[in-house]
């Protein structure tokens, strides 16, 4: 897993290609590629050109505000930040274990969150590329093309997301930026009427989840060699797992495997995350580069999210998701699946799991219980870790005797995948950029590689729309060789 991104010691003598901004992701990002005169790629970098600073400006705030305050980081996955912060504040108020009602309501909320986010990403943002091909006409390769050519698939995507949002509304009070989780528990149970309302649709959601898995498997297996090679590389994998090694999204220990499936650490206490993982700072990006300390800074980078979670789990605790996961694991004869585009397949297996798990929880009378909160002796340090839709999410807070935040450290899922996304871009650039005339389809290949990771560069909202894009090819002498511009309306043209 050597890093060829750093081999261009003298970039001034190379041709520089810039893709700015990236589309269908939130936040300001760009890609730069350095070529020599023979069109060989020497350096590829994903730059995050904005400064988030959230850890700094929540300093001085009282700890009880955090579950509601920090979820403003994101409009698509606020529940993940809400729950990670709530878990950290559980530790601050000395709650060692939630009541059964509180834990099951939080799980229900989280499964709704993962389901709706996965449905949005796959059906709205990624399915046009997978259904029509990366080089399809841009006027057709979008959600409107899916609605036109595959109306039932588009309909299922909309209704799956709607169901997940309704689960969130029932458990958190509203679909976006709810207030359901509080330090030490939750603030409301799920009523019988609310359970019946959600149960009326859950079987349909499970059926559509199965169809979504079948669709992604079929797309992948129609050309498995191509899908393995596209942005394909070996990496370590990091995720939570349950005590018995089962797939886990809400609570568990940290497991890291290397590219061959050997264990780097297992069932590690999340409270000790900062001894297991360190973050490297590089001058050209505001996003840090985490790595596993045991593996070292050079080889310790890793991937998180659906691909890592399905690879790392010994089994799924729901029958339909486990059946699909077994098929997934057979892809590389038991070795961890490494193909970046397999993220989509793994993502739909997780969507199916969430639908099954929601159905099980809705049948559990505990979620309508009345014991909602537990507290203990106040602590000054709290760490909350959860599996957000995009991967492992860390919230770490330290407070003073007055309950005010003195230190905060957040490692979001996209940060964990930072090096992997850089590597994916390099792989695609080496295969598809060399010697090719710039065109929109070429640009989209690079973005498809990034999009597989479902990145949220500012950890805010998904951006579905037509954003402007400009790529410039500059000679080693500094002269503009070519310039390609995609307008906000989606039109692509060469310009001087």
Protein backbone atom coordinates (compact mmCIF):
# COMPACT_ATOMS: atom_id res chain seq x y z
CA UNK A 1 0.00 0.00 0.00
CA UNK A 2 2.72 2.45 -0.93
CA UNK A 3 1.69 6.04 -1.52
CA UNK A 4 2.57 7.18 -5.03
CA UNK A 5 0.75 10.44 -4.37
CA UNK A 6 3.91 11.87 -2.88
CA UNK A 7 6.39 11.00 -5.66
CA UNK A 8 6.24 14.33 -7.45
CA UNK A 9 9.01 16.15 -5.66
CA UNK A 10 9.24 18.87 -8.30
CA UNK A 11 5.67 19.55 -9.44
CA UNK A 12 6.69 22.80 -11.17
CA UNK A 13 8.07 20.79 -14.09
CA UNK A 14 4.90 18.80 -14.63
CA UNK A 15 1.58 19.46 -16.35
CA UNK A 16 -1.20 20.21 -13.92
CA UNK A 17 -4.86 19.20 -14.38
CA UNK A 18 -7.43 20.66 -11.97
CA UNK A 19 -11.02 19.54 -11.41
CA UNK A 20 -12.81 22.21 -9.40
CA UNK A 21 -15.34 21.99 -7.88
CA UNK A 22 -16.38 18.38 -7.41
CA UNK A 23 -20.04 17.67 -8.14
CA UNK A 24 -22.70 15.77 -6.21
CA UNK A 25 -20.80 16.21 -2.96
CA UNK A 26 -21.21 18.85 -0.27
CA UNK A 27 -18.40 21.24 0.55
CA UNK A 28 -15.61 22.79 -1.44
CA UNK A 29 -13.23 20.27 -2.94
CA UNK A 30 -11.02 19.93 -5.96
CA UNK A 31 -8.75 17.35 -7.57
CA UNK A 32 -5.30 18.08 -8.98
CA UNK A 33 -3.32 15.68 -11.17
CA UNK A 34 0.30 16.15 -12.23
CA UNK A 35 1.51 14.60 -15.50
CA UNK A 36 4.84 14.55 -17.23
CA UNK A 37 5.16 15.22 -20.97
CA UNK A 38 4.65 11.51 -21.69
CA UNK A 39 1.29 11.70 -19.89
CA UNK A 40 2.37 9.58 -16.91
CA UNK A 41 0.62 10.46 -13.65
CA UNK A 42 3.06 11.50 -10.92
CA UNK A 43 0.74 12.92 -8.29
CA UNK A 44 -2.97 12.95 -7.54
CA UNK A 45 -4.56 14.85 -4.69
CA UNK A 46 -8.04 15.48 -3.38
CA UNK A 47 -7.96 18.94 -1.82
CA UNK A 48 -10.46 20.06 0.79
CA UNK A 49 -10.27 23.80 0.42
CA UNK A 50 -12.53 24.92 3.26
CA UNK A 51 -11.95 25.19 6.99
CA UNK A 52 -14.71 23.67 9.12
CA UNK A 53 -13.50 24.55 12.64
CA UNK A 54 -16.49 23.05 14.42
CA UNK A 55 -14.37 21.61 17.24
CA UNK A 56 -13.23 25.12 18.11
CA UNK A 57 -16.44 27.07 18.21
CA UNK A 58 -18.32 24.62 20.43
CA UNK A 59 -15.72 25.20 23.14
CA UNK A 60 -17.30 27.02 26.04
CA UNK A 61 -20.77 25.59 25.39
CA UNK A 62 -22.51 23.50 28.10
CA UNK A 63 -22.33 19.77 27.49
CA UNK A 64 -26.11 19.26 27.49
CA UNK A 65 -26.39 21.37 24.32
CA UNK A 66 -24.08 19.12 22.31
CA UNK A 67 -26.50 16.46 20.96
CA UNK A 68 -28.67 19.18 19.43
CA UNK A 69 -25.88 21.62 18.54
CA UNK A 70 -23.40 19.37 16.71
CA UNK A 71 -25.99 17.76 14.43
CA UNK A 72 -26.08 21.08 12.58
CA UNK A 73 -22.95 19.76 10.91
CA UNK A 74 -25.17 17.81 8.53
CA UNK A 75 -28.59 18.05 6.91
CA UNK A 76 -28.63 14.47 5.59
CA UNK A 77 -27.11 12.53 8.49
CA UNK A 78 -27.82 14.76 11.53
CA UNK A 79 -29.00 11.71 13.49
CA UNK A 80 -25.49 10.23 13.35
CA UNK A 81 -23.95 13.33 14.94
CA UNK A 82 -26.91 13.60 17.31
CA UNK A 83 -26.38 10.06 18.58
CA UNK A 84 -22.57 10.14 18.63
CA UNK A 85 -22.74 13.30 20.76
CA UNK A 86 -25.45 11.75 22.94
CA UNK A 87 -23.26 8.69 23.53
CA UNK A 88 -20.36 10.96 24.51
CA UNK A 89 -22.56 12.91 26.91
CA UNK A 90 -23.87 9.62 28.35
CA UNK A 91 -20.31 9.10 29.56
CA UNK A 92 -20.13 12.68 30.88
CA UNK A 93 -23.24 12.17 33.06
CA UNK A 94 -21.95 8.78 34.26
CA UNK A 95 -24.51 6.65 32.45
CA UNK A 96 -22.75 3.33 31.96
CA UNK A 97 -25.73 1.60 30.32
CA UNK A 98 -28.96 3.02 28.90
CA UNK A 99 -32.33 1.63 29.86
CA UNK A 100 -33.60 -1.01 27.41
CA UNK A 101 -36.23 1.45 26.17
CA UNK A 102 -33.73 4.24 25.56
CA UNK A 103 -31.23 2.02 23.74
CA UNK A 104 -33.85 0.46 21.47
CA UNK A 105 -35.37 3.84 20.60
CA UNK A 106 -31.93 5.19 19.73
CA UNK A 107 -31.25 2.12 17.60
CA UNK A 108 -34.57 2.55 15.82
CA UNK A 109 -33.72 6.19 15.14
CA UNK A 110 -30.28 5.25 13.83
CA UNK A 111 -31.51 2.47 11.55
CA UNK A 112 -34.01 4.90 10.04
CA UNK A 113 -31.15 7.33 9.49
CA UNK A 114 -28.89 4.82 7.75
CA UNK A 115 -31.76 3.53 5.60
CA UNK A 116 -32.81 6.97 4.35
CA UNK A 117 -29.24 8.13 3.70
CA UNK A 118 -28.33 4.97 1.78
CA UNK A 119 -31.51 5.25 -0.29
CA UNK A 120 -30.74 8.86 -1.15
CA UNK A 121 -27.15 8.19 -2.15
CA UNK A 122 -27.76 5.10 -4.24
CA UNK A 123 -31.02 5.89 -6.01
CA UNK A 124 -30.57 9.64 -6.51
CA UNK A 125 -26.81 10.19 -6.80
CA UNK A 126 -25.18 6.95 -7.94
CA UNK A 127 -27.77 4.89 -9.82
CA UNK A 128 -27.60 7.07 -12.99
CA UNK A 129 -23.92 6.13 -13.44
CA UNK A 130 -24.50 2.46 -12.63
CA UNK A 131 -27.62 2.03 -14.74
CA UNK A 132 -26.58 4.06 -17.80
CA UNK A 133 -22.77 3.91 -17.74
CA UNK A 134 -20.18 6.54 -16.88
CA UNK A 135 -20.04 7.88 -20.46
CA UNK A 136 -23.78 8.20 -21.01
CA UNK A 137 -25.07 11.55 -22.25
CA UNK A 138 -25.06 13.97 -19.33
CA UNK A 139 -28.56 15.12 -20.25
CA UNK A 140 -29.77 11.57 -19.59
CA UNK A 141 -27.37 10.42 -16.86
CA UNK A 142 -29.24 11.84 -13.88
CA UNK A 143 -32.19 11.13 -11.61
CA UNK A 144 -34.61 12.34 -14.27
CA UNK A 145 -33.22 9.75 -16.66
CA UNK A 146 -33.81 7.10 -14.00
CA UNK A 147 -37.39 8.27 -13.54
CA UNK A 148 -37.93 8.09 -17.30
CA UNK A 149 -36.26 4.73 -17.98
CA UNK A 150 -36.72 2.96 -14.64
CA UNK A 151 -39.78 4.56 -13.00
CA UNK A 152 -40.30 1.74 -10.51
CA UNK A 153 -36.69 1.87 -9.29
CA UNK A 154 -36.97 5.65 -8.86
CA UNK A 155 -40.26 5.28 -7.01
CA UNK A 156 -38.83 2.70 -4.63
CA UNK A 157 -35.87 4.96 -3.87
CA UNK A 158 -38.15 7.88 -2.97
CA UNK A 159 -40.41 5.77 -0.75
CA UNK A 160 -37.54 3.98 0.99
CA UNK A 161 -36.07 7.32 1.93
CA UNK A 162 -39.46 8.62 3.04
CA UNK A 163 -39.92 5.60 5.33
CA UNK A 164 -36.53 6.15 6.93
CA UNK A 165 -37.35 9.79 7.53
CA UNK A 166 -40.66 8.82 9.14
CA UNK A 167 -38.80 6.51 11.53
CA UNK A 168 -36.60 9.46 12.46
CA UNK A 169 -39.61 11.75 12.93
CA UNK A 170 -41.32 9.26 15.25
CA UNK A 171 -38.22 8.76 17.42
CA UNK A 172 -36.54 12.18 17.27
CA UNK A 173 -39.52 14.54 16.97
CA UNK A 174 -38.82 15.71 13.43
CA UNK A 175 -37.06 14.44 10.32
CA UNK A 176 -34.10 16.84 10.43
CA UNK A 177 -32.33 18.09 13.56
CA UNK A 178 -34.57 16.31 16.05
CA UNK A 179 -34.15 16.31 19.83
CA UNK A 180 -34.97 12.71 20.78
CA UNK A 181 -31.64 11.73 22.38
CA UNK A 182 -30.53 13.48 25.56
CA UNK A 183 -27.59 12.82 27.92
CA UNK A 184 -28.35 9.51 29.58
CA UNK A 185 -31.28 8.46 27.41
CA UNK A 186 -34.18 9.73 25.30
CA UNK A 187 -37.02 12.16 25.92
CA UNK A 188 -40.01 10.19 24.58
CA UNK A 189 -41.16 6.60 24.00
CA UNK A 190 -42.78 5.30 20.81
CA UNK A 191 -46.55 5.09 21.16
CA UNK A 192 -48.69 2.17 20.04
CA UNK A 193 -50.17 4.30 17.27
CA UNK A 194 -46.72 5.24 16.02
CA UNK A 195 -45.61 1.60 16.03
CA UNK A 196 -48.65 0.52 14.02
CA UNK A 197 -48.08 3.38 11.57
CA UNK A 198 -44.54 2.25 10.81
CA UNK A 199 -45.33 -1.47 10.90
CA UNK A 200 -47.86 -0.99 8.11
CA UNK A 201 -45.03 -0.36 5.62
CA UNK A 202 -42.06 -2.27 6.99
CA UNK A 203 -42.65 -5.51 5.03
CA UNK A 204 -42.73 -3.56 1.80
CA UNK A 205 -39.47 -1.82 2.72
CA UNK A 206 -37.80 -5.19 3.35
CA UNK A 207 -38.98 -6.46 -0.05
CA UNK A 208 -37.66 -3.37 -1.80
CA UNK A 209 -34.41 -3.72 0.13
CA UNK A 210 -34.00 -7.22 -1.27
CA UNK A 211 -34.63 -5.90 -4.78
CA UNK A 212 -32.05 -3.14 -4.28
CA UNK A 213 -29.41 -5.68 -3.25
CA UNK A 214 -30.24 -7.82 -6.27
CA UNK A 215 -29.93 -4.79 -8.55
CA UNK A 216 -26.50 -3.79 -7.25
CA UNK A 217 -25.25 -7.40 -7.33
CA UNK A 218 -26.44 -7.81 -10.91
CA UNK A 219 -24.79 -4.58 -12.04
CA UNK A 220 -21.52 -5.59 -10.40
CA UNK A 221 -21.52 -9.15 -11.67
CA UNK A 222 -22.32 -8.19 -15.28
CA UNK A 223 -18.68 -7.10 -15.56
CA UNK A 224 -16.94 -8.16 -12.34
CA UNK A 225 -13.40 -7.79 -13.69
CA UNK A 226 -14.07 -4.19 -14.73
CA UNK A 227 -15.74 -3.30 -11.45
CA UNK A 228 -12.85 -4.80 -9.48
CA UNK A 229 -10.27 -2.86 -11.50
CA UNK A 230 -12.08 0.47 -11.47
CA UNK A 231 -10.55 2.37 -8.53
CA UNK A 232 -9.50 -0.99 -7.11
CA UNK A 233 -6.71 -1.29 -4.53
CA UNK A 234 -5.91 -3.03 -1.25
CA UNK A 235 -6.38 -1.33 2.11
CA UNK A 236 -7.01 -1.93 5.79
CA UNK A 237 -10.62 -1.85 7.04
CA UNK A 238 -12.01 -0.30 10.24
CA UNK A 239 -15.47 -0.57 11.82
CA UNK A 240 -17.43 -1.38 14.94
CA UNK A 241 -18.45 -4.98 15.59
CA UNK A 242 -20.69 -6.49 18.27
CA UNK A 243 -19.25 -8.44 21.18
CA UNK A 244 -19.72 -11.71 19.27
CA UNK A 245 -18.33 -10.24 16.02
CA UNK A 246 -21.73 -9.54 14.46
CA UNK A 247 -22.47 -6.60 12.20
CA UNK A 248 -23.11 -3.52 14.34
CA UNK A 249 -24.10 0.07 13.65
CA UNK A 250 -24.85 1.58 17.06
CA UNK A 251 -22.55 0.20 19.75
CA UNK A 252 -19.62 -2.19 19.95
CA UNK A 253 -15.84 -2.51 19.87
CA UNK A 254 -13.44 -1.38 17.17
CA UNK A 255 -12.09 -3.97 14.73
CA UNK A 256 -9.36 -3.34 12.16
CA UNK A 257 -8.29 -5.89 9.54
CA UNK A 258 -5.47 -5.63 7.01
CA UNK A 259 -5.87 -6.16 3.27
CA UNK A 260 -5.68 -9.95 3.67
CA UNK A 261 -8.13 -10.13 6.57
CA UNK A 262 -5.52 -10.47 9.33
CA UNK A 263 -6.45 -8.76 12.59
CA UNK A 264 -4.72 -5.51 13.53
CA UNK A 265 -6.86 -5.05 16.64
CA UNK A 266 -10.23 -6.40 17.70
CA UNK A 267 -13.00 -5.42 20.13
CA UNK A 268 -10.93 -2.42 21.13
CA UNK A 269 -12.52 0.00 23.59
CA UNK A 270 -13.75 3.09 21.77
CA UNK A 271 -12.69 5.22 24.72
CA UNK A 272 -9.08 4.44 23.75
CA UNK A 273 -9.49 5.40 20.08
CA UNK A 274 -6.78 8.07 20.30
CA UNK A 275 -4.18 5.44 21.19
CA UNK A 276 -5.17 3.27 18.24
CA UNK A 277 -5.56 5.99 15.60
CA UNK A 278 -3.54 9.11 14.91
CA UNK A 279 -4.23 11.91 12.44
CA UNK A 280 -1.64 13.27 10.03
CA UNK A 281 -1.83 16.87 8.83
CA UNK A 282 -0.79 17.75 5.28
CA UNK A 283 -0.25 21.25 4.02
CA UNK A 284 -2.49 20.98 0.98
CA UNK A 285 -5.76 19.96 2.66
CA UNK A 286 -7.84 21.02 5.66
CA UNK A 287 -8.97 17.39 6.03
CA UNK A 288 -6.66 15.23 8.12
CA UNK A 289 -5.29 11.79 7.21
CA UNK A 290 -5.95 9.22 9.96
CA UNK A 291 -3.87 6.06 10.23
CA UNK A 292 -3.66 2.98 12.46
CA UNK A 293 -0.74 3.45 14.82
CA UNK A 294 0.19 -0.24 14.82
CA UNK A 295 0.55 -0.28 11.02
CA UNK A 296 2.44 3.01 10.85
CA UNK A 297 1.86 6.28 9.07
CA UNK A 298 2.85 4.95 5.65
CA UNK A 299 0.77 1.75 5.54
CA UNK A 300 -1.76 2.40 8.29
CA UNK A 301 -4.42 4.22 6.30
CA UNK A 302 -7.73 2.41 5.98
CA UNK A 303 -11.30 2.50 4.70
CA UNK A 304 -14.55 2.81 6.65
CA UNK A 305 -18.22 2.62 5.71
CA UNK A 306 -20.36 -0.11 4.13
CA UNK A 307 -17.47 -1.92 2.43
CA UNK A 308 -15.44 -2.10 5.65
CA UNK A 309 -18.41 -3.05 7.81
CA UNK A 310 -19.58 -5.92 5.61
CA UNK A 311 -16.00 -7.17 5.28
CA UNK A 312 -15.29 -6.94 9.02
CA UNK A 313 -18.48 -8.51 10.38
CA UNK A 314 -18.49 -12.24 11.13
CA UNK A 315 -22.21 -12.37 10.36
CA UNK A 316 -25.39 -10.28 10.13
CA UNK A 317 -27.96 -10.83 12.93
CA UNK A 318 -30.92 -10.62 10.49
CA UNK A 319 -31.54 -13.55 8.11
CA UNK A 320 -32.02 -11.81 4.75
CA UNK A 321 -29.03 -9.49 5.14
CA UNK A 322 -26.88 -12.43 6.25
CA UNK A 323 -27.89 -14.40 3.17
CA UNK A 324 -26.89 -11.50 0.93
CA UNK A 325 -23.66 -10.91 2.84
CA UNK A 326 -22.62 -14.52 2.30
CA UNK A 327 -22.93 -14.00 -1.44
CA UNK A 328 -20.89 -10.80 -1.15
CA UNK A 329 -18.09 -12.50 0.82
CA UNK A 330 -17.75 -15.19 -1.83
CA UNK A 331 -16.69 -12.57 -4.37
CA UNK A 332 -13.00 -12.82 -3.40
CA UNK A 333 -13.04 -16.32 -1.87
CA UNK A 334 -13.16 -15.08 1.71
CA UNK A 335 -10.55 -12.36 1.32
CA UNK A 336 -11.86 -8.84 2.11
CA UNK A 337 -13.54 -7.37 -0.96
CA UNK A 338 -11.44 -4.38 -2.05
CA UNK A 339 -13.24 -2.96 -5.11
CA UNK A 340 -14.37 0.63 -4.55
CA UNK A 341 -17.54 0.09 -6.60
CA UNK A 342 -18.46 -2.78 -4.26
CA UNK A 343 -19.36 -0.02 -1.79
CA UNK A 344 -22.70 0.24 -3.57
CA UNK A 345 -23.44 -3.47 -3.17
CA UNK A 346 -22.46 -3.40 0.51
CA UNK A 347 -24.52 -0.23 1.01
CA UNK A 348 -27.69 -1.98 -0.19
CA UNK A 349 -27.02 -4.99 2.05
CA UNK A 350 -26.94 -2.54 4.95
CA UNK A 351 -30.17 -0.91 3.76
CA UNK A 352 -31.83 -4.34 3.81
CA UNK A 353 -30.46 -5.02 7.30
CA UNK A 354 -31.85 -1.71 8.58
CA UNK A 355 -35.31 -2.50 7.20
CA UNK A 356 -35.25 -5.92 8.89
CA UNK A 357 -33.95 -4.49 12.17
CA UNK A 358 -36.60 -1.75 12.19
CA UNK A 359 -39.30 -4.41 11.85
CA UNK A 360 -37.87 -6.37 14.78
CA UNK A 361 -37.65 -3.31 17.02
CA UNK A 362 -41.18 -2.19 16.21
CA UNK A 363 -42.44 -5.55 17.49
CA UNK A 364 -40.55 -5.07 20.78
CA UNK A 365 -42.69 -3.67 23.62
CA UNK A 366 -39.60 -2.10 25.22
CA UNK A 367 -39.74 0.83 22.80
CA UNK A 368 -43.00 1.91 24.41
CA UNK A 369 -41.58 1.72 27.94
CA UNK A 370 -41.52 4.58 30.41
CA UNK A 371 -38.01 4.31 31.91
CA UNK A 372 -36.13 6.67 29.61
CA UNK A 373 -33.10 8.16 31.43
CA UNK A 374 -30.26 7.02 33.67
CA UNK A 375 -27.59 9.18 35.27
CA UNK A 376 -24.58 8.54 37.49
CA UNK A 377 -21.54 10.42 38.72
CA UNK A 378 -20.35 13.25 36.46
CA UNK A 379 -17.17 12.68 34.44
CA UNK A 380 -14.89 15.12 32.64
CA UNK A 381 -14.24 13.04 29.48
CA UNK A 382 -16.66 11.35 27.15
CA UNK A 383 -16.20 9.56 23.81
CA UNK A 384 -19.09 8.54 21.60
CA UNK A 385 -18.58 6.30 18.56
CA UNK A 386 -21.22 5.23 16.08
CA UNK A 387 -21.35 3.84 12.56
CA UNK A 388 -22.73 6.70 10.46
CA UNK A 389 -23.94 5.89 6.92
CA UNK A 390 -20.49 6.75 5.52
CA UNK A 391 -18.49 5.05 8.25
CA UNK A 392 -17.17 5.22 11.79
CA UNK A 393 -17.84 8.54 13.52
CA UNK A 394 -15.98 9.73 16.64
CA UNK A 395 -17.13 12.48 19.02
CA UNK A 396 -14.75 13.23 21.90
CA UNK A 397 -15.49 15.91 24.51
CA UNK A 398 -13.79 17.10 27.67
CA UNK A 399 -15.55 19.45 30.09
CA UNK A 400 -14.63 21.48 33.17
CA UNK A 401 -16.29 21.48 36.59
CA UNK A 402 -18.95 23.88 35.31
CA UNK A 403 -19.96 21.47 32.54
CA UNK A 404 -18.52 23.66 29.77
CA UNK A 405 -16.67 22.12 26.84
CA UNK A 406 -12.91 22.67 27.02
CA UNK A 407 -11.85 20.28 24.24
CA UNK A 408 -13.63 18.67 21.32
CA UNK A 409 -12.36 16.31 18.64
CA UNK A 410 -14.57 14.98 15.87
CA UNK A 411 -13.34 12.45 13.31
CA UNK A 412 -16.03 12.12 10.67
CA UNK A 413 -16.41 9.25 8.28
CA UNK A 414 -15.16 11.07 5.19
CA UNK A 415 -11.96 11.98 7.04
CA UNK A 416 -11.23 8.29 7.64
CA UNK A 417 -11.63 7.66 3.90
CA UNK A 418 -9.47 10.61 2.87
CA UNK A 419 -6.40 8.65 1.77
CA UNK A 420 -8.55 5.95 0.15
CA UNK A 421 -10.34 8.53 -1.98
CA UNK A 422 -6.99 9.95 -3.06
CA UNK A 423 -5.86 6.47 -4.02
CA UNK A 424 -9.10 5.83 -5.94
CA UNK A 425 -8.58 9.00 -7.96
CA UNK A 426 -5.00 8.01 -8.76
CA UNK A 427 -6.08 4.57 -9.99
CA UNK A 428 -8.73 6.03 -12.28
CA UNK A 429 -6.42 8.79 -13.55
CA UNK A 430 -3.68 6.30 -14.44
CA UNK A 431 -6.12 4.10 -16.34
CA UNK A 432 -8.38 6.64 -18.03
CA UNK A 433 -6.62 10.01 -18.19
CA UNK A 434 -3.33 9.10 -19.84
CA UNK A 435 -3.21 10.46 -23.37
CA UNK A 436 -6.92 11.07 -23.56
CA UNK A 437 -8.65 14.19 -24.80
CA UNK A 438 -10.52 15.89 -22.00
CA UNK A 439 -14.29 15.42 -22.08
CA UNK A 440 -17.19 15.30 -19.64
CA UNK A 441 -17.23 11.51 -19.53
CA UNK A 442 -13.59 11.47 -18.46
CA UNK A 443 -14.30 13.92 -15.66
CA UNK A 444 -17.21 11.78 -14.55
CA UNK A 445 -14.97 8.70 -14.21
CA UNK A 446 -12.97 10.56 -11.58
CA UNK A 447 -16.10 11.73 -9.80
CA UNK A 448 -17.63 8.23 -9.90
CA UNK A 449 -14.59 6.95 -7.98
CA UNK A 450 -15.05 9.61 -5.31
CA UNK A 451 -18.83 9.22 -5.25
CA UNK A 452 -18.55 5.52 -4.36
CA UNK A 453 -17.45 6.64 -0.89
CA UNK A 454 -20.51 8.90 -0.49
CA UNK A 455 -18.28 11.74 0.75
CA UNK A 456 -19.53 14.76 2.65
CA UNK A 457 -16.59 17.14 2.46
CA UNK A 458 -17.93 19.66 4.94
CA UNK A 459 -19.97 16.99 6.75
CA UNK A 460 -23.07 18.92 5.81
CA UNK A 461 -25.68 17.98 3.23
CA UNK A 462 -25.63 16.00 0.00
CA UNK A 463 -25.71 18.31 -3.02
CA UNK A 464 -27.99 17.06 -5.75
CA UNK A 465 -27.86 19.48 -8.63
CA UNK A 466 -25.81 20.77 -11.50
CA UNK A 467 -22.69 22.49 -10.30
CA UNK A 468 -20.14 24.24 -12.50
CA UNK A 469 -16.90 22.41 -13.22
CA UNK A 470 -13.68 23.51 -14.85
CA UNK A 471 -10.62 21.46 -15.83
CA UNK A 472 -7.42 23.09 -17.07
CA UNK A 473 -4.42 21.37 -18.69
CA UNK A 474 -1.29 23.49 -18.36
CA UNK A 475 2.07 22.69 -19.98
CA UNK A 476 5.33 22.53 -18.05
CA UNK A 477 6.06 26.00 -19.41
CA UNK A 478 2.92 27.39 -17.81
CA UNK A 479 0.91 27.71 -21.04
CA UNK A 480 -2.77 26.74 -21.10
CA UNK A 481 -3.07 23.69 -23.37
CA UNK A 482 -6.74 22.93 -22.94
CA UNK A 483 -9.68 24.06 -20.85
CA UNK A 484 -12.98 22.26 -20.38
CA UNK A 485 -15.95 23.95 -18.70
CA UNK A 486 -19.23 22.46 -17.51
CA UNK A 487 -21.80 25.19 -16.89
CA UNK A 488 -24.31 25.16 -14.01
CA UNK A 489 -26.86 24.04 -16.61
CA UNK A 490 -24.76 20.95 -17.35
CA UNK A 491 -23.46 22.06 -20.77
CA UNK A 492 -19.85 21.11 -21.55
CA UNK A 493 -17.65 23.15 -23.87
CA UNK A 494 -13.98 23.83 -24.61
CA UNK A 495 -12.80 27.31 -23.82
CA UNK A 496 -9.64 29.37 -24.16
